[in-house]
Amino acid sequence: MKIPIEGDKIRIRDGERVLEETCFESAADLMLGPCSRRLSVLTKCLYRLGSQYWLMGEDGHGLAALVHTIHVPRWSAFKRVTFSLTMPGRSEGEHA
């Protein structure tokens, strides 16, 4: 699965349903490790803090993602949901 960037469509599965969201922000999170990322979406959908979801790629493979924060601003109907995920690392000898 490629690393999502701002503007990419992301399919998020919670076991029962699949939601399509748009990536609002994507950045490395070196505090969690060299292959860790933070990914945010703006949404009206309900997500549960601390719950695990799956970010699904076009190839059908998924990455586990944990809801790290949910920010609900007063001025908007949209929530900013930030997921924490770890991208699979490259094995030694594998080249880009």
Foldseek 3Di string as FASTA:
>chain_A
DDFAAAQDWWWKAQPPDIDIFGWHHKDADPVVHDQKIKTKTWALDDDDAQGWIWTADPVGDTWIWHFHDWADDPVDSIIITMIMTGDDDDDPPDDD
